[in-house]
């Protein structure tokens, strides 16, 4: 039986707030019933960010709700979680963050084909207000063009 990637959570706000430059795939260190809670899609990536400290990557502000059928051993839902990356990738992320206006953010969280939880992270540059307006205008024009082409083909 083949498995497919199953999306757990997507950070839609990241694409509005940031310009994505480079993407990475990272594993995540989870404890106890967190994976079972993720299977129920109880995850929120909205305010999450990644910090590089002492050669390790940490995912902060990721909220994984406690498992509903869990017990006293449920962990703190807002704790810091370690990301599993190669040293070379961590070094590359650390260098990118040193530039002004750059950040490392999570884009989406999903179950990979081998049932492991993965996080897609990105090096991104914060958008200014005028950049946000330009991207919204571009999206609107693209939508209008597609709508006109669809109506024309009827």
N, C-alpha and C. Protein backbone atom coordinates (compact mmCIF):
# COMPACT_ATOMS: atom_id res chain seq x y z
N UNK A 1 0.84 -1.18 0.00
CA UNK A 1 0.00 0.00 0.00
C UNK A 1 0.88 1.24 0.00
N UNK A 2 0.72 2.10 -0.98
CA UNK A 2 1.51 3.32 -1.07
C UNK A 2 0.89 4.41 -0.23
N UNK A 3 1.72 5.16 0.45
CA UNK A 3 1.26 6.29 1.24
C UNK A 3 1.60 7.57 0.50
N UNK A 4 0.79 8.58 0.73
CA UNK A 4 1.04 9.88 0.13
C UNK A 4 1.31 10.89 1.23
N UNK A 5 1.84 12.03 0.84
CA UNK A 5 2.03 13.11 1.81
C UNK A 5 0.68 13.57 2.31
N UNK A 6 0.54 13.67 3.62
CA UNK A 6 -0.70 14.14 4.22
C UNK A 6 -0.44 15.45 4.92
N UNK A 7 -1.09 16.49 4.48
CA UNK A 7 -0.89 17.82 5.04
C UNK A 7 -1.53 17.91 6.43
N UNK A 8 -0.76 18.42 7.39
CA UNK A 8 -1.27 18.62 8.74
C UNK A 8 -1.70 20.07 8.90
N UNK A 9 -0.77 20.99 8.60
CA UNK A 9 -1.08 22.42 8.75
C UNK A 9 -0.25 23.20 7.73
N UNK A 10 -0.81 24.33 7.30
CA UNK A 10 -0.13 25.19 6.34
C UNK A 10 -0.13 26.61 6.89
N UNK A 11 0.97 27.32 6.74
CA UNK A 11 1.10 28.68 7.22
C UNK A 11 0.78 29.65 6.08
N UNK A 12 -0.51 29.91 5.87
CA UNK A 12 -0.93 30.79 4.77
C UNK A 12 -0.46 32.22 4.99
N UNK A 13 -0.38 32.62 6.23
CA UNK A 13 0.02 33.98 6.57
C UNK A 13 1.47 34.26 6.15
N UNK A 14 2.29 33.22 6.14
CA UNK A 14 3.70 33.39 5.79
C UNK A 14 3.87 33.93 4.38
N UNK A 15 3.04 33.49 3.45
CA UNK A 15 3.17 33.94 2.07
C UNK A 15 2.70 35.38 1.90
N UNK A 16 1.86 35.85 2.82
CA UNK A 16 1.42 37.25 2.78
C UNK A 16 2.47 38.16 3.42
N UNK A 17 3.08 37.70 4.50
CA UNK A 17 4.03 38.51 5.26
C UNK A 17 5.46 38.47 4.73
N UNK A 18 5.84 37.38 4.05
CA UNK A 18 7.23 37.18 3.65
C UNK A 18 7.34 36.81 2.17
N UNK A 19 8.53 37.09 1.64
CA UNK A 19 8.91 36.66 0.30
C UNK A 19 9.82 35.46 0.48
N UNK A 20 9.39 34.29 0.05
CA UNK A 20 10.13 33.05 0.27
C UNK A 20 11.29 32.97 -0.72
N UNK A 21 12.50 32.76 -0.19
CA UNK A 21 13.70 32.70 -1.03
C UNK A 21 14.22 31.27 -1.23
N UNK A 22 14.28 30.50 -0.14
CA UNK A 22 14.85 29.16 -0.22
C UNK A 22 14.09 28.25 0.73
N UNK A 23 13.86 27.00 0.31
CA UNK A 23 13.09 26.06 1.12
C UNK A 23 13.94 24.87 1.56
N UNK A 24 13.62 24.35 2.74
CA UNK A 24 14.29 23.17 3.29
C UNK A 24 13.24 22.24 3.87
N UNK A 25 13.58 20.96 3.97
CA UNK A 25 12.72 20.00 4.65
C UNK A 25 13.43 19.55 5.91
N UNK A 26 12.72 19.57 7.03
CA UNK A 26 13.32 19.19 8.31
C UNK A 26 12.42 18.21 9.03
N UNK A 27 13.06 17.32 9.78
CA UNK A 27 12.31 16.47 10.69
C UNK A 27 12.07 17.25 11.96
N UNK A 28 11.22 16.74 12.83
CA UNK A 28 10.93 17.42 14.08
C UNK A 28 10.90 16.39 15.20
N UNK A 29 11.46 16.79 16.34
CA UNK A 29 11.52 15.92 17.50
C UNK A 29 10.24 16.10 18.31
N UNK A 30 9.45 15.04 18.40
CA UNK A 30 8.18 15.10 19.12
C UNK A 30 8.19 14.11 20.28
N UNK A 31 7.34 14.36 21.26
CA UNK A 31 7.27 13.49 22.44
C UNK A 31 5.86 12.99 22.66
N UNK A 32 5.76 11.81 23.25
CA UNK A 32 4.49 11.29 23.75
C UNK A 32 3.37 11.26 22.73
N UNK A 33 2.30 11.91 23.08
CA UNK A 33 1.07 11.82 22.28
C UNK A 33 0.96 12.92 21.23
N UNK A 34 2.03 13.65 20.98
CA UNK A 34 1.97 14.76 20.01
C UNK A 34 1.66 14.27 18.59
N UNK A 35 2.22 13.12 18.21
CA UNK A 35 1.98 12.60 16.86
C UNK A 35 0.51 12.21 16.72
N UNK A 36 -0.07 11.63 17.74
CA UNK A 36 -1.47 11.24 17.70
C UNK A 36 -2.36 12.47 17.61
N UNK A 37 -1.96 13.54 18.27
CA UNK A 37 -2.70 14.79 18.18
C UNK A 37 -2.58 15.38 16.77
N UNK A 38 -1.40 15.24 16.16
CA UNK A 38 -1.20 15.74 14.80
C UNK A 38 -2.04 14.97 13.78
N UNK A 39 -2.28 13.70 14.04
CA UNK A 39 -3.13 12.91 13.14
C UNK A 39 -4.56 13.46 13.12
N UNK A 40 -4.95 14.15 14.19
CA UNK A 40 -6.27 14.79 14.25
C UNK A 40 -6.21 16.23 13.73
N UNK A 41 -5.09 16.65 13.14
CA UNK A 41 -4.86 18.00 12.61
C UNK A 41 -5.00 19.09 13.68
N UNK A 42 -4.53 18.81 14.89
CA UNK A 42 -4.58 19.78 15.98
C UNK A 42 -3.25 20.52 16.07
N UNK A 43 -2.98 21.34 15.08
CA UNK A 43 -1.71 22.05 15.01
C UNK A 43 -1.94 23.46 14.46
N UNK A 44 -1.16 24.42 14.99
CA UNK A 44 -1.28 25.80 14.52
C UNK A 44 0.11 26.38 14.28
N UNK A 45 0.39 26.74 13.04
CA UNK A 45 1.70 27.25 12.63
C UNK A 45 1.77 28.77 12.51
N UNK A 46 0.68 29.46 12.72
CA UNK A 46 0.58 30.87 12.35
C UNK A 46 1.69 31.76 12.87
N UNK A 47 1.98 31.73 14.16
CA UNK A 47 2.99 32.62 14.73
C UNK A 47 4.33 31.94 14.95
N UNK A 48 4.53 30.77 14.39
CA UNK A 48 5.74 30.00 14.63
C UNK A 48 6.94 30.62 13.91
N UNK A 49 8.12 30.47 14.52
CA UNK A 49 9.36 30.92 13.91
C UNK A 49 10.49 30.00 14.35
N UNK A 50 11.62 30.10 13.67
CA UNK A 50 12.75 29.21 13.93
C UNK A 50 13.95 30.02 14.36
N UNK A 51 14.60 29.56 15.43
CA UNK A 51 15.81 30.20 15.94
C UNK A 51 16.96 29.20 15.84
N UNK A 52 18.14 29.72 15.51
CA UNK A 52 19.34 28.90 15.46
C UNK A 52 20.16 29.25 16.69
N UNK A 53 20.36 28.28 17.59
CA UNK A 53 21.12 28.49 18.82
C UNK A 53 22.07 27.32 19.04
N UNK A 54 23.36 27.63 19.23
CA UNK A 54 24.38 26.63 19.55
C UNK A 54 24.41 25.47 18.55
N UNK A 55 24.29 25.78 17.28
CA UNK A 55 24.36 24.76 16.24
C UNK A 55 23.12 23.89 16.16
N UNK A 56 22.01 24.33 16.75
CA UNK A 56 20.76 23.58 16.68
C UNK A 56 19.64 24.51 16.22
N UNK A 57 18.68 23.95 15.51
CA UNK A 57 17.52 24.72 15.05
C UNK A 57 16.33 24.38 15.95
N UNK A 58 15.66 25.42 16.46
CA UNK A 58 14.53 25.26 17.37
C UNK A 58 13.30 25.91 16.77
N UNK A 59 12.18 25.21 16.82
CA UNK A 59 10.91 25.73 16.34
C UNK A 59 10.13 26.25 17.54
N UNK A 60 9.86 27.55 17.56
CA UNK A 60 9.16 28.21 18.66
C UNK A 60 7.75 28.57 18.26
N UNK A 61 6.87 28.68 19.26
CA UNK A 61 5.48 29.11 19.11
C UNK A 61 4.63 28.19 18.24
N UNK A 62 5.05 26.96 18.06
CA UNK A 62 4.21 25.97 17.38
C UNK A 62 3.25 25.41 18.41
N UNK A 63 1.97 25.47 18.14
CA UNK A 63 0.98 24.98 19.10
C UNK A 63 0.43 23.65 18.61
N UNK A 64 0.70 22.58 19.37
CA UNK A 64 0.11 21.27 19.12
C UNK A 64 -0.80 21.00 20.30
N UNK A 65 -2.09 20.95 20.04
CA UNK A 65 -3.07 20.77 21.12
C UNK A 65 -2.84 19.43 21.81
N UNK A 66 -3.08 19.35 23.12
CA UNK A 66 -2.94 18.06 23.82
C UNK A 66 -3.88 17.02 23.24
N UNK A 67 -3.44 15.79 23.22
CA UNK A 67 -4.25 14.69 22.67
C UNK A 67 -5.48 14.50 23.55
N UNK A 68 -6.64 14.38 22.90
CA UNK A 68 -7.90 14.31 23.65
C UNK A 68 -7.99 13.08 24.54
N UNK A 69 -7.41 11.97 24.13
CA UNK A 69 -7.46 10.74 24.94
C UNK A 69 -6.14 10.52 25.66
N UNK A 70 -5.36 11.57 25.79
CA UNK A 70 -4.07 11.47 26.47
C UNK A 70 -4.24 11.37 27.98
N UNK A 71 -3.12 11.32 28.67
CA UNK A 71 -3.16 11.19 30.13
C UNK A 71 -2.31 12.28 30.76
N UNK A 72 -1.86 12.05 31.96
CA UNK A 72 -1.06 13.02 32.72
C UNK A 72 0.27 13.32 32.03
N UNK A 73 0.70 12.45 31.14
CA UNK A 73 1.99 12.60 30.48
C UNK A 73 1.94 13.50 29.24
N UNK A 74 0.80 14.13 28.94
CA UNK A 74 0.74 15.09 27.84
C UNK A 74 1.73 16.22 28.11
N UNK A 75 2.46 16.62 27.07
CA UNK A 75 3.48 17.67 27.23
C UNK A 75 2.87 19.05 27.00
N UNK A 76 3.65 20.08 27.32
CA UNK A 76 3.21 21.46 27.12
C UNK A 76 2.95 21.71 25.64
N UNK A 77 1.77 22.20 25.26
CA UNK A 77 1.44 22.38 23.84
C UNK A 77 2.26 23.46 23.13
N UNK A 78 2.85 24.39 23.86
CA UNK A 78 3.60 25.49 23.24
C UNK A 78 5.11 25.40 23.46
N UNK A 79 5.62 24.23 23.80
CA UNK A 79 7.05 24.11 24.10
C UNK A 79 7.89 24.25 22.82
N UNK A 80 9.19 24.54 23.02
CA UNK A 80 10.11 24.61 21.89
C UNK A 80 10.40 23.19 21.41
N UNK A 81 10.47 23.02 20.10
CA UNK A 81 10.74 21.71 19.53
C UNK A 81 11.98 21.78 18.65
N UNK A 82 12.81 20.76 18.77
CA UNK A 82 14.06 20.72 18.02
C UNK A 82 13.80 20.24 16.59
N UNK A 83 14.42 20.93 15.62
CA UNK A 83 14.32 20.51 14.23
C UNK A 83 15.53 19.66 13.88
N UNK A 84 15.32 18.65 13.09
CA UNK A 84 16.38 17.71 12.71
C UNK A 84 16.86 18.05 11.30
N UNK A 85 18.03 18.66 11.25
CA UNK A 85 18.65 19.08 9.99
C UNK A 85 20.12 18.68 9.99
N UNK A 86 20.72 18.64 8.82
CA UNK A 86 22.16 18.41 8.73
C UNK A 86 22.90 19.66 9.19
N UNK A 87 24.13 19.48 9.68
CA UNK A 87 24.94 20.62 10.16
C UNK A 87 25.13 21.67 9.07
N UNK A 88 25.34 21.20 7.85
CA UNK A 88 25.55 22.12 6.73
C UNK A 88 24.31 23.00 6.52
N UNK A 89 23.13 22.40 6.62
CA UNK A 89 21.89 23.15 6.44
C UNK A 89 21.69 24.16 7.58
N UNK A 90 22.00 23.74 8.81
CA UNK A 90 21.87 24.64 9.96
C UNK A 90 22.82 25.82 9.81
N UNK A 91 24.03 25.55 9.38
CA UNK A 91 25.01 26.61 9.17
C UNK A 91 24.53 27.58 8.09
N UNK A 92 23.95 27.04 7.03
CA UNK A 92 23.43 27.85 5.93
C UNK A 92 22.27 28.73 6.42
N UNK A 93 21.39 28.17 7.23
CA UNK A 93 20.28 28.95 7.79
C UNK A 93 20.79 30.04 8.71
N UNK A 94 21.79 29.72 9.53
CA UNK A 94 22.37 30.70 10.44
C UNK A 94 22.98 31.88 9.71
N UNK A 95 23.67 31.61 8.61
CA UNK A 95 24.27 32.68 7.81
C UNK A 95 23.20 33.55 7.16
N UNK A 96 22.13 32.92 6.71
CA UNK A 96 21.05 33.67 6.05
C UNK A 96 20.35 34.60 7.04
N UNK A 97 20.17 34.17 8.28
CA UNK A 97 19.46 34.97 9.27
C UNK A 97 20.26 36.19 9.70
N UNK A 98 21.57 36.13 9.56
CA UNK A 98 22.41 37.26 9.97
C UNK A 98 22.16 38.51 9.12
N UNK A 99 21.68 38.32 7.90
CA UNK A 99 21.36 39.47 7.05
C UNK A 99 20.14 40.19 7.59
N UNK A 100 20.12 41.48 7.38
CA UNK A 100 19.00 42.29 7.89
C UNK A 100 17.71 41.97 7.12
N UNK A 101 16.62 41.81 7.86
CA UNK A 101 15.32 41.57 7.26
C UNK A 101 15.03 40.13 6.89
N UNK A 102 15.94 39.22 7.21
CA UNK A 102 15.76 37.81 6.86
C UNK A 102 15.24 37.04 8.07
N UNK A 103 14.45 36.01 7.81
CA UNK A 103 13.91 35.18 8.87
C UNK A 103 13.79 33.75 8.36
N UNK A 104 13.75 32.81 9.30
CA UNK A 104 13.50 31.42 8.96
C UNK A 104 12.13 31.08 9.54
N UNK A 105 11.21 30.66 8.68
CA UNK A 105 9.84 30.42 9.11
C UNK A 105 9.36 29.05 8.61
N UNK A 106 8.43 28.43 9.33
CA UNK A 106 7.84 27.18 8.83
C UNK A 106 6.72 27.49 7.84
N UNK A 107 6.67 26.74 6.75
CA UNK A 107 5.62 26.94 5.75
C UNK A 107 4.50 25.93 5.90
N UNK A 108 4.87 24.67 6.08
CA UNK A 108 3.83 23.66 6.27
C UNK A 108 4.39 22.48 7.07
N UNK A 109 3.47 21.73 7.64
CA UNK A 109 3.81 20.54 8.41
C UNK A 109 3.01 19.39 7.80
N UNK A 110 3.66 18.25 7.59
CA UNK A 110 2.97 17.15 6.92
C UNK A 110 3.57 15.81 7.33
N UNK A 111 2.81 14.75 7.07
CA UNK A 111 3.31 13.40 7.24
C UNK A 111 3.93 13.00 5.91
N UNK A 112 5.20 12.60 5.93
CA UNK A 112 5.89 12.18 4.71
C UNK A 112 5.38 10.79 4.31
N UNK A 113 5.86 10.30 3.19
CA UNK A 113 5.41 9.01 2.68
C UNK A 113 5.72 7.86 3.63
N UNK A 114 6.79 8.02 4.45
CA UNK A 114 7.15 6.98 5.41
C UNK A 114 6.54 7.23 6.79
N UNK A 115 5.50 8.04 6.86
CA UNK A 115 4.72 8.33 8.08
C UNK A 115 5.49 9.12 9.13
N UNK A 116 6.59 9.76 8.74
CA UNK A 116 7.32 10.63 9.66
C UNK A 116 6.79 12.05 9.52
N UNK A 117 6.81 12.80 10.61
CA UNK A 117 6.35 14.19 10.57
C UNK A 117 7.49 15.06 10.06
N UNK A 118 7.22 15.85 9.04
CA UNK A 118 8.21 16.74 8.46
C UNK A 118 7.67 18.17 8.48
N UNK A 119 8.62 19.12 8.51
CA UNK A 119 8.27 20.53 8.47
C UNK A 119 9.01 21.15 7.29
N UNK A 120 8.29 21.85 6.43
CA UNK A 120 8.93 22.58 5.35
C UNK A 120 9.21 23.98 5.87
N UNK A 121 10.50 24.33 5.90
CA UNK A 121 10.89 25.65 6.40
C UNK A 121 11.49 26.46 5.26
N UNK A 122 11.52 27.77 5.45
CA UNK A 122 12.01 28.62 4.37
C UNK A 122 12.80 29.79 4.93
N UNK A 123 13.81 30.19 4.17
CA UNK A 123 14.49 31.45 4.44
C UNK A 123 13.69 32.49 3.68
N UNK A 124 13.26 33.52 4.42
CA UNK A 124 12.35 34.50 3.83
C UNK A 124 12.74 35.91 4.20
N UNK A 125 12.32 36.85 3.36
CA UNK A 125 12.55 38.26 3.60
C UNK A 125 11.19 38.91 3.85
N UNK A 126 11.12 39.70 4.89
CA UNK A 126 9.85 40.37 5.22
C UNK A 126 9.42 41.33 4.14
N UNK A 127 8.13 41.34 3.84
CA UNK A 127 7.60 42.25 2.82
C UNK A 127 7.23 43.58 3.46
N UNK A 128 7.41 44.62 2.71
CA UNK A 128 6.93 45.94 3.11
C UNK A 128 5.46 46.05 2.72
N UNK A 129 4.80 47.08 3.20
CA UNK A 129 3.37 47.25 2.92
C UNK A 129 3.09 47.37 1.43
N UNK A 130 3.95 48.09 0.70
CA UNK A 130 3.71 48.25 -0.73
C UNK A 130 3.94 46.95 -1.49
N UNK A 131 4.84 46.09 -0.98
CA UNK A 131 5.03 44.78 -1.60
C UNK A 131 3.78 43.92 -1.44
N UNK A 132 3.16 44.00 -0.25
CA UNK A 132 1.94 43.23 0.01
C UNK A 132 0.83 43.68 -0.92
N UNK A 133 0.71 44.99 -1.10
CA UNK A 133 -0.32 45.51 -1.99
C UNK A 133 -0.08 45.08 -3.43
N UNK A 134 1.17 45.09 -3.86
CA UNK A 134 1.51 44.69 -5.22
C UNK A 134 1.18 43.22 -5.45
N UNK A 135 1.51 42.37 -4.47
CA UNK A 135 1.23 40.94 -4.64
C UNK A 135 -0.28 40.68 -4.64
N UNK A 136 -1.04 41.44 -3.84
CA UNK A 136 -2.50 41.29 -3.84
C UNK A 136 -3.08 41.73 -5.19
N UNK A 137 -2.58 42.82 -5.75
CA UNK A 137 -3.05 43.30 -7.05
C UNK A 137 -2.72 42.29 -8.15
N UNK A 138 -1.52 41.72 -8.09
CA UNK A 138 -1.12 40.72 -9.07
C UNK A 138 -2.02 39.49 -9.00
N UNK A 139 -2.34 39.06 -7.80
CA UNK A 139 -3.22 37.91 -7.60
C UNK A 139 -4.62 38.19 -8.15
N UNK A 140 -5.11 39.41 -7.92
CA UNK A 140 -6.43 39.78 -8.42
C UNK A 140 -6.47 39.80 -9.94
N UNK A 141 -5.45 40.36 -10.57
CA UNK A 141 -5.43 40.41 -12.04
C UNK A 141 -5.33 39.01 -12.63
N UNK A 142 -4.53 38.14 -11.99
CA UNK A 142 -4.40 36.76 -12.46
C UNK A 142 -5.76 36.05 -12.36
N UNK A 143 -6.49 36.29 -11.29
CA UNK A 143 -7.81 35.69 -11.10
C UNK A 143 -8.80 36.20 -12.16
N UNK A 144 -8.74 37.52 -12.46
CA UNK A 144 -9.62 38.09 -13.48
C UNK A 144 -9.33 37.51 -14.87
N UNK A 145 -8.06 37.34 -15.18
CA UNK A 145 -7.67 36.77 -16.48
C UNK A 145 -8.17 35.34 -16.60
N UNK A 146 -7.99 34.55 -15.54
CA UNK A 146 -8.46 33.16 -15.57
C UNK A 146 -9.98 33.10 -15.71
N UNK A 147 -10.68 33.98 -15.05
CA UNK A 147 -12.13 34.03 -15.12
C UNK A 147 -12.57 34.39 -16.55
N UNK A 148 -11.89 35.36 -17.18
CA UNK A 148 -12.24 35.77 -18.55
C UNK A 148 -11.96 34.64 -19.53
N UNK A 149 -10.85 33.94 -19.38
CA UNK A 149 -10.53 32.82 -20.27
C UNK A 149 -11.54 31.68 -20.11
N UNK A 150 -11.95 31.43 -18.90
CA UNK A 150 -12.92 30.37 -18.64
C UNK A 150 -14.26 30.71 -19.27
N UNK A 151 -14.68 31.96 -19.14
CA UNK A 151 -15.96 32.39 -19.70
C UNK A 151 -15.91 32.42 -21.24
N UNK A 152 -14.75 32.73 -21.77
CA UNK A 152 -14.57 32.80 -23.22
C UNK A 152 -14.67 31.41 -23.85
N UNK A 153 -14.18 30.40 -23.13
CA UNK A 153 -14.16 29.04 -23.67
C UNK A 153 -15.52 28.35 -23.59
N UNK A 154 -16.51 28.97 -22.94
CA UNK A 154 -17.84 28.37 -22.83
C UNK A 154 -18.58 28.39 -24.11
